[in-house]
Amino acid sequence: MFIILREEHSSGSCDTDGCGSVGGSGGINIGGSSGSGGNWLVVVVVVVVIILVVVVDLVAMVLLIVVVVVVVRVVVVVVVVMVVVVVVVDG
């Protein structure tokens, strides 16, 4: 796939088939091939980082909800046990 993009770029038909230069010269080159392997690597890295941030955020929210629920349950159980003990001891 990279070789095909490179051949299209070298054939000079980028004006008609849209090789990927956005904004003319000096714009964002997406899909073309530059000397450093193009900007596909940058795009892929940015997309992966965004996906990882979203996934980590969702996992953190789920874990936070689970931790809060567990803590609330433990507190409720401890309070109920203490109330039962106090009632039994005083009664």
Protein backbone atom coordinates (compact mmCIF):
# COMPACT_ATOMS: atom_id res chain seq x y z
CA MET A 1 0.00 0.00 0.00
CA PHE A 2 2.83 2.36 0.79
CA ILE A 3 4.50 1.58 -2.54
CA ILE A 4 1.29 2.40 -4.41
CA LEU A 5 1.04 5.77 -2.68
CA ARG A 6 4.67 6.47 -3.48
CA GLU A 7 4.13 5.62 -7.17
CA GLU A 8 1.09 7.90 -7.37
CA HIS A 9 3.08 10.67 -5.78
CA SER A 10 5.95 10.30 -8.24
CA SER A 11 3.66 10.14 -11.29
CA GLY A 12 2.55 13.73 -10.82
CA SER A 13 -1.19 12.99 -10.78
CA CYS A 14 -1.74 14.30 -7.28
CA ASP A 15 -3.73 17.27 -8.57
CA THR A 16 -6.57 15.08 -9.85
CA ASP A 17 -6.66 12.00 -7.60
CA GLY A 18 -6.12 13.80 -4.29
CA CYS A 19 -2.82 12.45 -3.00
CA GLY A 20 -3.61 14.00 0.32
CA SER A 21 -2.04 17.43 0.45
CA VAL A 22 -4.42 19.56 2.50
CA GLY A 23 -4.07 23.31 2.28
CA GLY A 24 -1.65 23.48 -0.62
CA SER A 25 2.08 23.53 -0.09
CA GLY A 26 3.00 23.36 3.55
CA GLY A 27 -0.37 21.90 4.51
CA ILE A 28 -1.06 18.62 6.20
CA ASN A 29 0.11 15.74 4.06
CA ILE A 30 -2.20 12.81 4.77
CA GLY A 31 -1.88 9.86 2.46
CA GLY A 32 1.15 11.13 0.63
CA SER A 33 4.67 9.90 1.20
CA SER A 34 7.30 12.15 2.67
CA GLY A 35 10.90 11.31 3.36
CA SER A 36 10.20 10.18 6.92
CA GLY A 37 7.53 7.67 5.93
CA GLY A 38 4.60 10.06 5.73
CA ASN A 39 2.32 11.30 8.46
CA TRP A 40 0.40 8.03 8.74
CA LEU A 41 2.51 7.08 11.73
CA VAL A 42 1.62 10.34 13.47
CA VAL A 43 -2.08 9.86 12.70
CA VAL A 44 -2.00 6.25 13.95
CA VAL A 45 -0.17 7.25 17.15
CA VAL A 46 -2.65 10.07 17.84
CA VAL A 47 -5.64 7.77 17.26
CA VAL A 48 -4.16 5.05 19.50
CA VAL A 49 -3.42 7.57 22.27
CA ILE A 50 -6.99 8.94 22.09
CA ILE A 51 -8.44 5.42 22.22
CA LEU A 52 -6.21 4.50 25.18
CA VAL A 53 -7.19 7.67 27.07
CA VAL A 54 -10.90 7.00 26.51
CA VAL A 55 -10.57 3.32 27.50
CA VAL A 56 -8.52 4.12 30.61
CA ASP A 57 -11.02 6.83 31.57
CA LEU A 58 -13.95 4.44 31.18
CA VAL A 59 -12.17 1.72 33.16
CA ALA A 60 -11.32 4.23 35.89
CA MET A 61 -14.95 5.35 36.11
CA VAL A 62 -16.17 1.75 36.30
CA LEU A 63 -13.58 0.89 38.96
CA LEU A 64 -14.46 4.03 40.91
CA ILE A 65 -18.14 3.10 40.82
CA VAL A 66 -17.31 -0.46 41.93
CA VAL A 67 -15.09 0.79 44.76
CA VAL A 68 -17.74 3.27 45.94
CA VAL A 69 -20.43 0.58 45.86
CA VAL A 70 -18.23 -1.88 47.78
CA VAL A 71 -17.30 0.76 50.38
CA VAL A 72 -20.93 1.76 50.84
CA ARG A 73 -21.95 -1.88 51.25
CA VAL A 74 -19.20 -2.50 53.80
CA VAL A 75 -20.16 0.62 55.74
CA VAL A 76 -23.83 -0.37 55.72
CA VAL A 77 -23.02 -3.90 56.90
CA VAL A 78 -20.73 -2.59 59.66
CA VAL A 79 -23.36 -0.07 60.85
CA VAL A 80 -26.10 -2.72 60.83
CA VAL A 81 -23.89 -5.17 62.77
CA MET A 82 -23.00 -2.46 65.31
CA VAL A 83 -26.67 -1.52 65.76
CA VAL A 84 -27.62 -5.17 66.22
CA VAL A 85 -24.82 -5.68 68.74
CA VAL A 86 -25.81 -2.55 70.70
CA VAL A 87 -29.48 -3.57 70.71
CA VAL A 88 -28.65 -7.14 71.80
CA VAL A 89 -26.21 -6.00 74.52
CA ASP A 90 -28.53 -3.29 75.87
CA GLY A 91 -31.62 -5.46 75.53
